[in-house]
Amino acid sequence: MRICIVQTSAFKGDIEKNIAKHLQFIDLAIANQCDLILFPELSLTGYEPTLAKELATNSHDDRLSCFQKLSNQQNVIICAGLPTKMDAKLFISMIIFQPDKEPITYSKQHLYPSEVYYFSPGATPVYLHIDETVAAPAICYELSVSQHAENACRNEASVYLASVLNSVAGVDADLQKLSDIARKYRMTTFMANYVGESGGYKCAGKSSVWHSDGILAGQLDGTSEGILIYDTTTKAVFQQLI
């Protein structure tokens, strides 16, 4: 299986412009025969908690139908970030589009302290069964909560997919945490991060993948948009900057 992580900047609060940018990256990943594509946290709006209430939607938003269409046509899984709402609650979510299936909404279960003023925690874990592989989505702060990776391991995940906004100030600590997760739980581990600015943070880039022994397999730089691809069968790594 080929997994592609996308390192991108976001148009603040502009879902339509971000969709257009996502489609460019998806086309690039498809051209490289990828099976799964992972974008950063809240990638379709940027990380903008103060705007989340007005931007929040759900997986059935007609604007997102292009992702399901591509998933069906190209047999690819697409994981994009979006604030969602249910009743009066807002969530930090990852919408997962799978070929010929209903989209899955995974909502962040463990919130960063400042996020609790805007969002509610999700209640339901998600594990993707892709052929013989189990992949566990994680959203940003969840990688710092040991229970999250432990639960992924207990559910036989061999792939850990971290969709994040990581700042220049915090990235090195989180890179080490993800390396430790890979080594401790024997999971091939991915981190898709932003570059540029979002939510008032200077984003660090350095989107990365680690082998299941915790050794860094590949990493993008701190400023460029691009993709990083990892083949779980051959362990080969490819990257392309935009």
Protein backbone atom coordinates (compact mmCIF):
# COMPACT_ATOMS: atom_id res chain seq x y z
CA MET A 1 0.00 0.00 0.00
CA ARG A 2 1.21 3.49 -0.83
CA ILE A 3 0.34 6.18 1.71
CA CYS A 4 0.71 9.86 0.81
CA ILE A 5 0.92 12.64 3.37
CA VAL A 6 0.32 16.19 2.18
CA GLN A 7 2.16 19.23 3.50
CA THR A 8 0.26 22.37 2.59
CA SER A 9 -0.73 25.87 3.60
CA ALA A 10 -4.37 26.81 4.01
CA PHE A 11 -6.59 29.64 2.86
CA LYS A 12 -8.03 30.97 6.12
CA GLY A 13 -11.68 29.95 6.41
CA ASP A 14 -12.15 29.47 2.65
CA ILE A 15 -13.49 25.96 2.07
CA GLU A 16 -13.88 26.36 -1.69
CA LYS A 17 -10.31 27.52 -2.27
CA ASN A 18 -8.97 24.81 0.00
CA ILE A 19 -10.97 22.17 -1.87
CA ALA A 20 -9.38 23.32 -5.12
CA LYS A 21 -5.92 23.01 -3.58
CA HIS A 22 -6.75 19.59 -2.15
CA LEU A 23 -7.77 18.37 -5.60
CA GLN A 24 -4.38 19.37 -7.01
CA PHE A 25 -2.60 17.34 -4.35
CA ILE A 26 -4.96 14.40 -4.81
CA ASP A 27 -4.29 14.37 -8.55
CA LEU A 28 -0.56 14.32 -7.82
CA ALA A 29 -0.95 11.45 -5.36
CA ILE A 30 -3.10 9.48 -7.80
CA ALA A 31 -0.46 9.97 -10.50
CA ASN A 32 1.97 8.34 -8.07
CA GLN A 33 -0.41 5.38 -7.54
CA CYS A 34 -1.19 6.16 -3.91
CA ASP A 35 -3.88 4.24 -2.03
CA LEU A 36 -4.44 6.65 0.87
CA ILE A 37 -3.96 10.43 1.12
CA LEU A 38 -3.70 12.24 4.48
CA PHE A 39 -4.06 16.01 4.91
CA PRO A 40 -3.29 18.17 8.01
CA GLU A 41 -5.73 18.94 10.83
CA LEU A 42 -8.76 20.99 9.69
CA SER A 43 -7.15 21.20 6.26
CA LEU A 44 -10.29 22.39 4.47
CA THR A 45 -10.64 25.54 6.60
CA GLY A 46 -7.24 25.99 8.16
CA TYR A 47 -6.83 25.68 11.91
CA GLU A 48 -9.21 28.46 12.91
CA PRO A 49 -11.11 27.64 16.14
CA THR A 50 -12.70 31.09 16.33
CA LEU A 51 -14.26 30.58 12.89
CA ALA A 52 -15.33 26.99 13.42
CA LYS A 53 -18.93 27.73 14.38
CA GLU A 54 -19.68 29.49 11.09
CA LEU A 55 -17.63 27.05 8.99
CA ALA A 56 -18.78 23.76 10.51
CA THR A 57 -20.63 21.33 8.26
CA ASN A 58 -20.78 17.55 7.76
CA SER A 59 -19.64 14.81 5.41
CA HIS A 60 -22.78 15.17 3.26
CA ASP A 61 -21.99 18.76 2.28
CA ASP A 62 -22.37 18.90 -1.51
CA ARG A 63 -19.07 20.76 -1.78
CA LEU A 64 -17.29 17.60 -0.66
CA SER A 65 -18.86 15.31 -3.26
CA CYS A 66 -15.79 15.74 -5.51
CA PHE A 67 -13.75 13.77 -2.98
CA GLN A 68 -16.16 10.87 -2.89
CA LYS A 69 -16.28 10.84 -6.69
CA LEU A 70 -12.49 10.66 -6.93
CA SER A 71 -12.36 8.00 -4.24
CA ASN A 72 -14.81 5.86 -6.19
CA GLN A 73 -13.19 6.40 -9.57
CA GLN A 74 -9.56 6.05 -8.51
CA ASN A 75 -9.94 3.52 -5.69
CA VAL A 76 -8.23 5.84 -3.23
CA ILE A 77 -8.92 6.78 0.40
CA ILE A 78 -8.90 10.54 1.12
CA CYS A 79 -8.61 11.90 4.68
CA ALA A 80 -9.32 15.64 4.92
CA GLY A 81 -9.90 17.85 7.95
CA LEU A 82 -13.01 19.90 8.69
CA PRO A 83 -14.96 21.28 11.67
CA THR A 84 -18.24 19.40 11.95
CA LYS A 85 -21.40 19.95 13.95
CA MET A 86 -24.02 17.76 15.52
CA ASP A 87 -26.89 19.31 17.41
CA ALA A 88 -25.29 22.20 19.31
CA LYS A 89 -21.82 20.65 19.45
CA LEU A 90 -18.77 21.40 17.30
CA PHE A 91 -16.01 18.88 16.59
CA ILE A 92 -12.53 18.82 15.07
CA SER A 93 -13.03 16.11 12.50
CA MET A 94 -11.37 14.12 9.78
CA ILE A 95 -13.68 13.11 6.93
CA ILE A 96 -12.55 9.81 5.42
CA PHE A 97 -13.74 9.11 1.89
CA GLN A 98 -13.51 5.44 0.89
CA PRO A 99 -14.31 3.85 -2.49
CA ASP A 100 -18.01 3.05 -2.85
CA LYS A 101 -18.75 3.52 0.84
CA GLU A 102 -20.35 6.19 2.98
CA PRO A 103 -17.82 8.72 4.28
CA ILE A 104 -16.61 8.18 7.83
CA THR A 105 -16.33 11.11 10.24
CA TYR A 106 -13.64 10.71 12.88
CA SER A 107 -13.84 13.43 15.54
CA LYS A 108 -10.89 14.27 17.78
CA GLN A 109 -11.36 12.49 21.10
CA HIS A 110 -8.64 14.26 23.09
CA LEU A 111 -8.68 18.06 22.80
CA TYR A 112 -5.82 20.45 23.44
CA PRO A 113 -6.70 22.57 26.52
CA SER A 114 -7.43 25.74 24.53
CA GLU A 115 -9.75 23.83 22.18
CA VAL A 116 -12.30 22.96 24.86
CA TYR A 117 -13.68 26.51 24.66
CA TYR A 118 -14.79 25.89 21.07
CA PHE A 119 -15.15 22.14 20.55
CA SER A 120 -16.53 18.99 22.13
CA PRO A 121 -14.50 15.77 22.23
CA GLY A 122 -15.46 12.95 19.89
CA ALA A 123 -16.62 9.73 21.51
CA THR A 124 -15.92 7.05 18.93
CA PRO A 125 -12.55 5.74 17.71
CA VAL A 126 -12.11 4.79 14.07
CA TYR A 127 -9.92 2.04 12.62
CA LEU A 128 -9.64 1.62 8.88
CA HIS A 129 -9.41 -1.93 7.58
CA ILE A 130 -7.59 -1.76 4.25
CA ASP A 131 -7.02 -5.24 2.86
CA GLU A 132 -4.87 -6.85 5.58
CA THR A 133 -3.83 -3.52 7.14
CA VAL A 134 -5.45 -1.70 10.06
CA ALA A 135 -4.81 2.07 10.12
CA ALA A 136 -5.59 4.33 13.09
CA PRO A 137 -6.33 8.03 12.46
CA ALA A 138 -5.12 10.53 15.06
CA ILE A 139 -5.67 14.28 15.17
CA CYS A 140 -2.84 16.43 16.55
CA TYR A 141 -2.91 16.51 20.39
CA GLU A 142 -4.04 12.88 20.46
CA LEU A 143 -0.48 11.78 19.72
CA SER A 144 0.43 13.21 23.15
CA VAL A 145 -2.18 11.06 24.93
CA SER A 146 -0.69 7.62 25.46
CA GLN A 147 -4.11 5.96 25.63
CA HIS A 148 -4.77 6.84 22.00
CA ALA A 149 -1.80 4.94 20.56
CA GLU A 150 -2.28 2.13 23.07
CA ASN A 151 -5.86 1.65 21.90
CA ALA A 152 -4.70 1.63 18.29
CA CYS A 153 -2.22 -1.12 19.10
CA ARG A 154 -4.86 -3.15 20.96
CA ASN A 155 -7.03 -2.95 17.86
CA GLU A 156 -4.18 -4.40 15.79
CA ALA A 157 -3.28 -1.21 13.95
CA SER A 158 0.01 -1.37 12.08
CA VAL A 159 -0.32 2.17 10.65
CA TYR A 160 -0.78 5.37 12.69
CA LEU A 161 -1.98 8.43 10.75
CA ALA A 162 -1.43 11.73 12.59
CA SER A 163 -3.08 14.77 11.00
CA VAL A 164 -1.72 17.84 12.78
CA LEU A 165 -1.07 21.52 13.05
CA ASN A 166 2.38 21.69 14.56
CA SER A 167 4.10 24.98 15.29
CA VAL A 168 7.79 25.79 15.02
CA ALA A 169 7.92 25.89 18.82
CA GLY A 170 6.35 22.46 19.32
CA VAL A 171 7.37 20.33 16.38
CA ASP A 172 10.58 18.77 17.70
CA ALA A 173 8.89 17.36 20.80
CA ASP A 174 6.09 15.87 18.72
CA LEU A 175 8.49 14.36 16.20
CA GLN A 176 10.12 12.53 19.08
CA LYS A 177 6.75 11.39 20.43
CA LEU A 178 5.76 9.97 17.06
CA SER A 179 9.08 8.17 16.70
CA ASP A 180 8.47 6.67 20.15
CA ILE A 181 4.95 5.59 19.16
CA ALA A 182 6.28 3.87 16.06
CA ARG A 183 8.95 2.01 18.01
CA LYS A 184 6.87 1.09 21.07
CA TYR A 185 3.81 -0.15 19.22
CA ARG A 186 5.51 -1.36 16.02
CA MET A 187 3.35 0.90 13.85
CA THR A 188 4.47 2.65 10.69
CA THR A 189 3.70 6.24 11.69
CA PHE A 190 2.85 9.32 9.62
CA MET A 191 2.51 13.03 10.38
CA ALA A 192 0.92 15.48 7.93
CA ASN A 193 1.54 19.11 8.93
CA TYR A 194 1.06 22.64 7.61
CA VAL A 195 3.55 25.21 6.40
CA GLY A 196 2.93 28.94 6.50
CA GLU A 197 0.61 30.38 9.13
CA SER A 198 -2.70 29.15 10.48
CA GLY A 199 -4.65 30.00 13.60
CA GLY A 200 -2.00 32.45 14.67
CA TYR A 201 0.73 29.81 14.61
CA LYS A 202 3.85 29.73 12.48
CA CYS A 203 3.61 26.18 11.16
CA ALA A 204 6.69 23.99 11.12
CA GLY A 205 6.20 21.64 8.20
CA LYS A 206 8.58 18.66 8.59
CA SER A 207 5.82 16.21 7.63
CA SER A 208 7.32 12.81 8.30
CA VAL A 209 7.06 9.04 8.20
CA TRP A 210 8.73 6.57 10.54
CA HIS A 211 9.39 2.89 10.01
CA SER A 212 7.81 0.60 12.59
CA ASP A 213 11.10 0.52 14.51
CA GLY A 214 10.90 4.27 15.11
CA ILE A 215 13.61 5.19 12.60
CA LEU A 216 12.78 8.20 10.44
CA ALA A 217 12.07 7.06 6.89
CA GLY A 218 11.47 10.44 5.26
CA GLN A 219 10.73 14.07 6.05
CA LEU A 220 9.79 17.19 4.12
CA ASP A 221 11.34 20.57 4.85
CA GLY A 222 9.95 23.34 7.02
CA THR A 223 8.68 25.71 4.36
CA SER A 224 7.63 23.95 1.14
CA GLU A 225 4.31 22.49 0.11
CA GLY A 226 4.53 18.97 -1.21
CA ILE A 227 3.84 15.28 -0.73
CA LEU A 228 5.69 12.44 0.97
CA ILE A 229 4.85 8.89 -0.11
CA TYR A 230 5.69 5.67 1.72
CA ASP A 231 5.25 2.18 0.30
CA THR A 232 4.37 -0.15 3.18
CA THR A 233 5.49 -3.22 1.20
CA THR A 234 8.87 -2.09 -0.13
CA LYS A 235 9.55 0.59 2.55
CA ALA A 236 10.50 2.95 -0.27
CA VAL A 237 10.00 6.70 0.22
CA PHE A 238 9.26 9.29 -2.44
CA GLN A 239 8.76 13.03 -2.14
CA GLN A 240 7.78 15.85 -4.43
CA LEU A 241 7.74 19.53 -3.51
CA ILE A 242 5.35 21.98 -5.14
